[in-house]
Protein backbone atom coordinates (compact mmCIF):
# COMPACT_ATOMS: atom_id res chain seq x y z
CA MET A 1 -15.62 -8.60 19.44
CA THR A 2 -13.98 -5.35 20.44
CA TYR A 3 -11.98 -3.11 18.13
CA GLU A 4 -8.83 -3.99 20.09
CA PHE A 5 -9.49 -7.72 19.65
CA LEU A 6 -9.93 -7.29 15.90
CA GLN A 7 -6.66 -5.35 15.65
CA HIS A 8 -4.78 -8.11 17.46
CA TYR A 9 -6.60 -10.81 15.49
CA TRP A 10 -5.59 -9.36 12.12
CA CYS A 11 -2.07 -8.80 13.35
CA PHE A 12 -1.99 -12.54 14.10
CA ILE A 13 -3.35 -13.44 10.64
CA VAL A 14 -0.83 -11.21 8.86
CA SER A 15 2.02 -12.55 11.02
CA LEU A 16 0.96 -16.13 10.28
CA LEU A 17 1.02 -15.39 6.55
CA GLY A 18 4.49 -13.87 6.96
CA ALA A 19 5.67 -16.95 8.85
CA LEU A 20 4.28 -19.26 6.15
CA LEU A 21 6.02 -17.14 3.52
CA VAL A 22 9.39 -17.58 5.25
CA PHE A 23 8.84 -21.36 5.33
CA LEU A 24 7.90 -21.42 1.63
CA LEU A 25 11.18 -19.69 0.80
CA PHE A 26 12.60 -23.21 0.67
CA VAL A 27 11.91 -22.89 -3.07
CA GLN A 28 14.37 -20.00 -3.30
CA GLY A 29 16.80 -21.75 -0.95
CA ALA A 30 16.91 -24.94 -3.00
CA ASN A 31 17.41 -23.00 -6.22
CA SER A 32 20.37 -21.14 -4.71
CA VAL A 33 22.19 -24.44 -4.03
CA ALA A 34 20.95 -26.38 -7.06
CA ARG A 35 24.37 -26.38 -8.72
CA SER A 36 26.08 -27.90 -5.69
CA LEU A 37 23.31 -30.41 -4.92
CA GLY A 38 22.88 -31.56 -8.50
CA GLN A 39 26.34 -31.33 -10.00
CA THR A 40 25.27 -32.60 -13.42
CA ASP A 41 22.76 -31.10 -15.86
CA GLU A 42 20.37 -33.92 -15.05
CA GLY A 43 20.85 -33.42 -11.32
CA ARG A 44 20.16 -29.70 -11.56
CA ARG A 45 17.01 -30.38 -13.58
CA LEU A 46 15.84 -32.67 -10.79
CA VAL A 47 16.23 -29.85 -8.25
CA TYR A 48 14.55 -27.26 -10.48
CA ASN A 49 11.66 -29.59 -11.26
CA SER A 50 11.26 -30.32 -7.57
CA THR A 51 11.00 -26.64 -6.61
CA GLY A 52 9.05 -25.89 -9.80
CA ARG A 53 6.14 -27.82 -8.36
CA LYS A 54 5.88 -25.40 -5.42
CA TRP A 55 6.93 -21.92 -6.58
CA GLU A 56 3.30 -20.87 -7.04
CA PHE A 57 2.65 -21.44 -3.34
CA THR A 58 5.42 -19.01 -2.41
CA PHE A 59 4.37 -16.32 -4.86
CA THR A 60 0.69 -16.62 -3.95
CA THR A 61 1.50 -16.36 -0.24
CA LEU A 62 3.60 -13.25 -0.88
CA VAL A 63 0.70 -11.60 -2.72
CA THR A 64 -1.79 -12.69 -0.04
CA PHE A 65 0.50 -11.33 2.67
CA GLY A 66 0.57 -7.95 0.96
CA GLY A 67 -3.18 -8.01 0.37
CA ALA A 68 -3.95 -8.84 3.99
CA PHE A 69 -1.69 -6.01 5.15
CA PHE A 70 -3.42 -3.61 2.74
CA ALA A 71 -6.89 -4.52 3.97
CA SER A 72 -6.19 -4.59 7.70
CA PHE A 73 -3.39 -2.04 8.14
CA PRO A 74 -3.58 0.26 5.11
CA LEU A 75 -1.26 2.92 6.55
CA PHE A 76 1.54 0.36 6.74
CA TYR A 77 0.84 -0.69 3.18
CA SER A 78 0.98 2.88 1.86
CA THR A 79 4.06 3.70 3.94
CA SER A 80 6.16 0.60 3.29
CA PHE A 81 5.00 -0.64 -0.11
CA GLY A 82 4.58 2.92 -1.38
CA GLY A 83 7.55 4.60 0.33
CA ALA A 84 10.11 1.78 0.23
CA TYR A 85 9.10 0.83 -3.29
CA TRP A 86 12.62 0.19 -4.60
CA LEU A 87 13.04 -2.55 -2.01
CA TRP A 88 9.70 -4.17 -2.86
CA MET A 89 10.09 -3.68 -6.61
CA ILE A 90 13.39 -5.56 -6.58
CA ILE A 91 11.76 -8.37 -4.59
CA LEU A 92 8.83 -8.60 -7.01
CA PHE A 93 11.11 -8.33 -10.05
CA THR A 94 13.21 -11.29 -8.91
CA PHE A 95 10.05 -13.32 -8.31
CA VAL A 96 8.83 -12.50 -11.84
CA LEU A 97 12.24 -13.57 -13.16
CA GLN A 98 11.79 -16.82 -11.27
CA ALA A 99 8.44 -17.58 -12.90
CA VAL A 100 9.77 -16.79 -16.38
CA SER A 101 12.94 -18.80 -15.82
CA TYR A 102 11.09 -21.98 -14.89
CA GLU A 103 9.10 -21.90 -18.10
CA PHE A 104 11.79 -20.85 -20.56
CA GLN A 105 15.04 -22.46 -19.38
CA ASN A 106 14.57 -25.57 -21.53
CA LYS A 107 12.14 -24.28 -24.15
CA ILE A 108 12.95 -24.89 -27.79
CA GLY A 109 14.20 -21.65 -29.32
CA ASN A 110 15.68 -20.34 -26.06
CA ILE A 111 18.52 -18.24 -27.53
CA LEU A 112 19.88 -17.29 -24.09
CA GLY A 113 20.51 -20.89 -23.08
CA PRO A 114 19.38 -22.81 -19.97
CA ARG A 115 22.21 -21.47 -17.80
CA THR A 116 21.03 -17.87 -18.20
CA PHE A 117 17.63 -18.68 -16.72
CA GLN A 118 19.20 -20.92 -14.10
CA PHE A 119 21.30 -17.91 -13.08
CA PHE A 120 18.05 -15.94 -12.67
CA LEU A 121 16.70 -18.71 -10.41
CA THR A 122 19.87 -18.50 -8.33
CA LEU A 123 19.59 -14.72 -8.22
CA ASN A 124 16.02 -14.95 -6.92
CA GLY A 125 17.18 -17.60 -4.44
CA ILE A 126 19.61 -15.12 -2.86
CA VAL A 127 18.12 -11.66 -3.39
CA GLY A 128 14.52 -12.63 -2.55
CA PRO A 129 15.20 -14.07 0.95
CA LEU A 130 17.85 -11.39 1.66
CA LEU A 131 15.50 -8.47 1.02
CA LEU A 132 12.48 -10.14 2.63
CA GLY A 133 14.57 -10.84 5.73
CA GLY A 134 15.78 -7.25 5.66
CA ALA A 135 12.17 -6.04 5.44
CA VAL A 136 11.30 -8.09 8.54
CA ALA A 137 14.32 -6.62 10.35
CA THR A 138 12.92 -3.12 9.87
CA PHE A 139 10.08 -4.08 12.23
CA PHE A 140 12.70 -4.08 14.98
CA GLU A 141 15.28 -1.62 13.62
CA GLY A 142 13.00 1.05 12.14
CA SER A 143 12.65 2.72 8.75
CA ASN A 144 13.23 6.23 7.47
CA PHE A 145 9.71 7.59 6.89
CA ILE A 146 7.44 10.41 8.05
CA VAL A 147 3.65 10.23 8.52
CA GLU A 148 1.66 13.47 8.22
CA LYS A 149 -2.06 12.68 8.43
CA ASN A 150 -2.95 16.38 8.49
CA ASN A 151 -2.01 16.59 4.82
CA LEU A 152 -5.42 15.13 4.01
CA ILE A 153 -7.23 18.16 5.47
CA ASP A 154 -4.59 20.86 5.02
CA PRO A 155 -5.64 23.12 2.10
CA GLU A 156 -2.05 24.37 1.77
CA ALA A 157 -0.57 20.90 1.33
CA ILE A 158 0.90 20.48 -2.15
CA THR A 159 -0.22 16.86 -2.37
CA PRO A 160 -2.55 15.02 0.07
CA ILE A 161 0.00 12.31 0.84
CA ILE A 162 -0.15 10.83 4.34
CA SER A 163 3.29 9.22 4.46
CA ARG A 164 6.54 9.77 2.61
CA TRP A 165 10.09 8.44 2.68
CA ALA A 166 12.56 10.84 4.26
CA ASN A 167 15.23 10.32 1.59
CA ALA A 168 15.56 9.38 -2.06
CA SER A 169 16.68 5.77 -1.47
CA HIS A 170 13.07 4.62 -0.94
CA GLY A 171 13.87 1.63 1.24
CA LEU A 172 17.36 0.69 0.10
CA ASP A 173 18.84 2.72 2.96
CA ALA A 174 17.75 -0.08 5.32
CA LEU A 175 20.57 -2.21 3.89
CA LEU A 176 23.09 0.24 5.38
CA ASN A 177 22.11 -1.02 8.84
CA PRO A 178 24.39 -4.00 9.66
CA TRP A 179 21.69 -5.67 11.78
CA VAL A 180 19.26 -5.59 8.87
CA LEU A 181 21.86 -7.46 6.81
CA VAL A 182 22.45 -9.94 9.65
CA LEU A 183 18.79 -10.98 9.69
CA GLY A 184 18.62 -10.80 5.90
CA PHE A 185 21.48 -13.28 5.48
CA ALA A 186 20.08 -15.41 8.31
CA VAL A 187 16.92 -15.80 6.22
CA VAL A 188 19.04 -16.60 3.13
CA PHE A 189 20.75 -19.48 4.94
CA LEU A 190 17.49 -20.59 6.59
CA ALA A 191 15.93 -20.79 3.12
CA ARG A 192 18.90 -22.89 2.00
CA VAL A 193 18.48 -25.21 4.99
CA LEU A 194 14.79 -25.67 4.25
CA GLY A 195 15.48 -26.05 0.52
CA ILE A 196 18.04 -28.79 1.09
CA LEU A 197 15.69 -30.60 3.46
CA TYR A 198 12.85 -30.32 0.95
CA VAL A 199 14.94 -31.72 -1.91
CA MET A 200 16.08 -34.54 0.38
CA ASN A 201 12.44 -35.42 0.97
CA ASN A 202 11.10 -34.84 -2.53
CA VAL A 203 13.81 -36.10 -4.90
CA ASP A 204 14.54 -39.82 -5.09
CA ASP A 205 18.13 -39.70 -6.26
CA LYS A 206 21.07 -41.32 -4.45
CA ASP A 207 23.68 -38.86 -5.73
CA ILE A 208 21.75 -35.80 -4.58
CA ARG A 209 20.82 -37.32 -1.23
CA SER A 210 24.45 -38.30 -0.61
CA ARG A 211 25.46 -34.62 -0.81
CA VAL A 212 22.74 -33.38 1.52
CA PRO A 213 24.53 -33.77 4.92
CA GLY A 214 27.57 -31.75 3.81
CA ARG A 215 25.51 -29.03 2.14
CA LEU A 216 23.15 -28.93 5.11
CA ILE A 217 25.99 -28.34 7.56
CA GLY A 218 27.36 -25.61 5.30
CA ALA A 219 24.02 -23.77 5.40
CA ALA A 220 22.96 -24.55 8.98
CA VAL A 221 26.11 -23.27 10.73
CA PRO A 222 26.02 -19.70 9.33
CA PHE A 223 22.23 -19.62 9.79
CA LEU A 224 22.49 -20.51 13.48
CA VAL A 225 25.33 -18.05 14.10
CA LEU A 226 23.49 -15.19 12.39
CA PHE A 227 20.09 -16.00 13.92
CA VAL A 228 21.41 -16.32 17.47
CA ALA A 229 23.37 -13.08 17.08
CA TYR A 230 20.29 -11.22 15.88
CA LEU A 231 18.01 -12.74 18.52
CA VAL A 232 20.41 -11.68 21.30
CA HIS A 233 20.63 -8.21 19.74
CA VAL A 234 16.82 -7.87 19.68
CA LEU A 235 16.38 -9.04 23.27
CA LEU A 236 18.98 -6.59 24.58
CA LYS A 237 18.15 -3.54 22.45
CA ASP A 238 15.83 -0.65 23.27
CA GLY A 239 12.39 -1.12 21.74
CA PHE A 240 9.69 1.14 20.38
CA ALA A 241 6.82 1.31 22.89
CA TYR A 242 3.75 3.53 23.18
CA ASN A 243 1.50 4.53 26.08
CA ASP A 244 -2.29 4.69 26.33
CA ALA A 245 -2.27 8.16 24.77
CA GLY A 246 -0.45 6.80 21.69
CA ARG A 247 2.83 8.56 22.49
CA ILE A 248 5.85 6.63 21.14
CA TYR A 249 8.91 6.31 23.35
CA MET A 250 12.04 4.15 23.63
CA GLU A 251 11.90 1.44 26.30
CA PRO A 252 15.01 -0.51 27.40
CA TYR A 253 14.79 -4.27 26.76
CA LYS A 254 11.32 -3.84 25.25
CA TYR A 255 11.31 -7.06 23.24
CA LEU A 256 12.72 -9.08 26.11
CA THR A 257 9.96 -7.61 28.26
CA ASN A 258 7.41 -8.60 25.63
CA PHE A 259 8.51 -12.22 25.76
CA ILE A 260 8.37 -12.17 29.56
CA ASP A 261 4.94 -10.53 29.65
CA MET A 262 3.62 -12.72 26.85
CA TRP A 263 5.21 -15.95 28.05
CA TYR A 264 3.16 -17.99 25.59
CA LEU A 265 5.06 -16.36 22.71
CA LEU A 266 8.32 -17.35 24.39
CA VAL A 267 7.06 -20.95 24.60
CA VAL A 268 6.13 -20.88 20.91
CA LEU A 269 9.55 -19.44 20.05
CA LEU A 270 11.43 -22.10 22.01
CA ILE A 271 9.35 -24.94 20.55
CA GLY A 272 10.00 -23.56 17.07
CA VAL A 273 13.76 -23.34 17.59
CA VAL A 274 13.87 -26.90 18.98
CA LEU A 275 11.92 -28.25 16.00
CA VAL A 276 14.25 -26.54 13.52
CA LEU A 277 17.31 -27.96 15.29
CA TYR A 278 15.68 -31.39 15.43
CA GLY A 279 14.95 -31.41 11.71
CA ILE A 280 18.52 -30.36 10.89
CA GLY A 281 20.22 -32.65 13.39
CA LYS A 282 18.29 -35.80 12.59
CA THR A 283 18.84 -35.36 8.85
CA ILE A 284 22.59 -35.00 9.37
CA PHE A 285 23.07 -37.82 11.85
CA SER A 286 20.33 -40.34 10.91
CA LYS A 287 21.14 -42.17 7.71
CA GLY A 288 18.09 -42.63 5.53
CA TYR A 289 15.96 -40.02 7.31
CA ILE A 290 14.26 -37.80 4.72
CA GLY A 291 11.49 -36.10 6.71
CA GLY A 292 13.50 -33.22 8.19
CA ILE A 293 11.59 -30.59 6.20
CA TRP A 294 8.47 -31.11 8.33
CA PRO A 295 9.78 -30.47 11.86
CA ALA A 296 12.09 -27.75 10.52
CA GLY A 297 9.27 -26.20 8.50
CA ILE A 298 6.80 -26.21 11.39
CA GLY A 299 9.52 -24.86 13.65
CA THR A 300 10.24 -22.05 11.19
CA VAL A 301 6.57 -21.01 11.13
CA LEU A 302 6.34 -21.01 14.93
CA THR A 303 9.59 -19.10 15.40
CA VAL A 304 8.81 -16.39 12.85
CA LEU A 305 5.24 -16.08 14.13
CA ALA A 306 6.47 -15.48 17.70
CA LEU A 307 9.02 -12.90 16.55
CA LEU A 308 6.53 -10.98 14.43
CA LEU A 309 3.92 -10.88 17.20
CA SER A 310 6.51 -9.75 19.73
CA CYS A 311 7.15 -6.60 17.71
CA ALA A 312 3.46 -5.63 17.50
CA TRP A 313 1.58 -6.79 20.59
CA ASN A 314 1.95 -5.47 24.15
CA HIS A 315 1.92 -1.76 23.22
CA THR A 316 4.78 -2.04 20.72
CA ALA A 317 5.21 0.03 17.56
CA TYR A 318 5.53 -2.66 14.88
CA TYR A 319 6.86 -0.31 12.17
CA PRO A 320 9.11 2.25 13.86
CA SER A 321 10.27 5.45 12.21
CA THR A 322 13.88 6.51 12.61
CA ALA A 323 13.14 9.88 10.97
CA ASP A 324 10.32 10.88 13.32
CA LEU A 325 9.61 8.72 16.36
CA GLN A 326 5.97 9.84 16.58
CA SER A 327 5.39 8.71 13.00
CA SER A 328 5.93 5.09 14.07
CA LEU A 329 3.04 2.78 13.23
CA THR A 330 1.11 0.83 15.85
CA LEU A 331 -1.87 -1.50 15.70
CA GLU A 332 -4.09 1.37 16.81
CA ASN A 333 -2.96 4.21 14.53
CA SER A 334 -2.54 2.26 11.28
CA CYS A 335 -5.49 -0.14 11.11
CA SER A 336 -8.69 -0.12 9.09
CA SER A 337 -12.05 0.84 10.55
CA GLU A 338 -13.83 -1.44 13.00
CA PHE A 339 -16.48 -2.20 10.36
CA THR A 340 -13.83 -3.29 7.84
CA LEU A 341 -11.96 -5.47 10.32
CA ASN A 342 -15.19 -7.01 11.56
CA THR A 343 -16.39 -7.79 8.02
CA MET A 344 -13.04 -9.33 7.11
CA PHE A 345 -13.14 -11.42 10.29
CA TRP A 346 -16.12 -13.39 8.99
CA VAL A 347 -14.51 -13.77 5.59
CA SER A 348 -11.34 -15.09 7.28
CA LEU A 349 -13.32 -18.06 8.59
CA LEU A 350 -12.97 -19.48 5.08
CA VAL A 351 -9.18 -19.66 5.47
CA PRO A 352 -9.19 -23.22 6.94
CA PHE A 353 -10.94 -24.44 3.79
CA VAL A 354 -8.29 -22.80 1.64
CA LEU A 355 -5.55 -24.37 3.74
CA ALA A 356 -7.25 -27.76 3.43
CA TYR A 357 -7.20 -27.40 -0.35
CA ILE A 358 -3.51 -26.43 -0.31
CA ILE A 359 -2.69 -29.49 1.81
CA TYR A 360 -4.71 -31.69 -0.55
CA ALA A 361 -2.99 -30.25 -3.62
CA TRP A 362 0.44 -30.56 -1.98
CA ARG A 363 -0.13 -34.24 -1.14
CA ALA A 364 -1.39 -34.94 -4.65
CA ILE A 365 1.68 -33.32 -6.21
CA ASP A 366 4.08 -35.14 -3.90
CA LYS A 367 2.32 -38.52 -3.98
CA LYS A 368 5.27 -39.86 -5.96
CA LYS A 369 8.89 -38.86 -5.37
CA LEU A 370 10.63 -37.11 -8.26
CA THR A 371 12.99 -39.33 -10.28
CA LYS A 372 15.22 -38.95 -13.34
CA GLU A 373 12.66 -40.76 -15.46
CA GLU A 374 9.95 -38.22 -14.66
CA ILE A 375 11.90 -35.22 -15.90
CA GLN A 376 12.06 -36.75 -19.37
CA THR A 377 8.34 -36.05 -19.87
CA ASP A 378 6.89 -33.12 -21.81
CA HIS A 379 5.67 -31.46 -18.60
CA ALA A 380 9.10 -31.18 -17.02
CA TYR A 381 10.87 -27.84 -16.61
């Protein structure tokens, strides 16, 4: 295994975790439309109890995604998570609010009332996907940071900090880029699509299922418009490339070129898009079909995986700097040592066993569809 192989391997693992995280945002998506899907108190409790069975998967994947990035590409971790900390702190804060809200919304002695915590669940359902989608967009649009590795050995440096944000917004400035917001809201509506499909599959309630087609159309149309607009923008924009010497430069149609050069990623992208459309379309037009979450979910993972790999492989700077082009991060200049990557490679062979356990736990939780009778138990949210 060469150093280059290990860099590309861990880029794939991190991208796969990111793709799985986007799929698992169906929890946030369902919570954001809980009031329209379940128009009664009982109906809303059905939705919240449905997503409440899975929120740990989303949060755990988010933490694992960050941990994998820290171990394999530490310079990205210190630059993004350390420099753009306001962006990530808001994301984490809304996820903490989500966990608290599930537990306390119907607890005895809750002086704030159930609706306060349900508002927090809705807030996480919108802000979480929006900011996570915006963070992904910065892989294509760039971020405002500067990397100065010489600070570690410069005796005159005030603090030995490798990377720093170029302004005081610490990540929130990314939201001033309209294209960042386009992808951010595309992820919000994608999460809603997946959330509606998941509730359709998981909740056995005629009233809720009768509202699914209308709500699904209302989420799918803006998602498709925003996603197609952003995909066209990415394929036609100049990209951040680097040569064998590590010099960063702007290359016209870089991401389109990446998909042409790496045709297998284009195939994965197209298959993913088709599966998402299939899951949406069949749920809308086939009465009684409740399995749309699976083709749409698999399609989401494939689509996001292809997009993330296209911004890192083929001599592409995956975390571009708009403040200093040469500070842009690549697989080569931001990764851990060969020894670290090689050691982690063998540890990563345990991942299939972890995934097998997750699948087993998921099937055990969903063995029986959620009904109104079940939320009357002491273990209901």
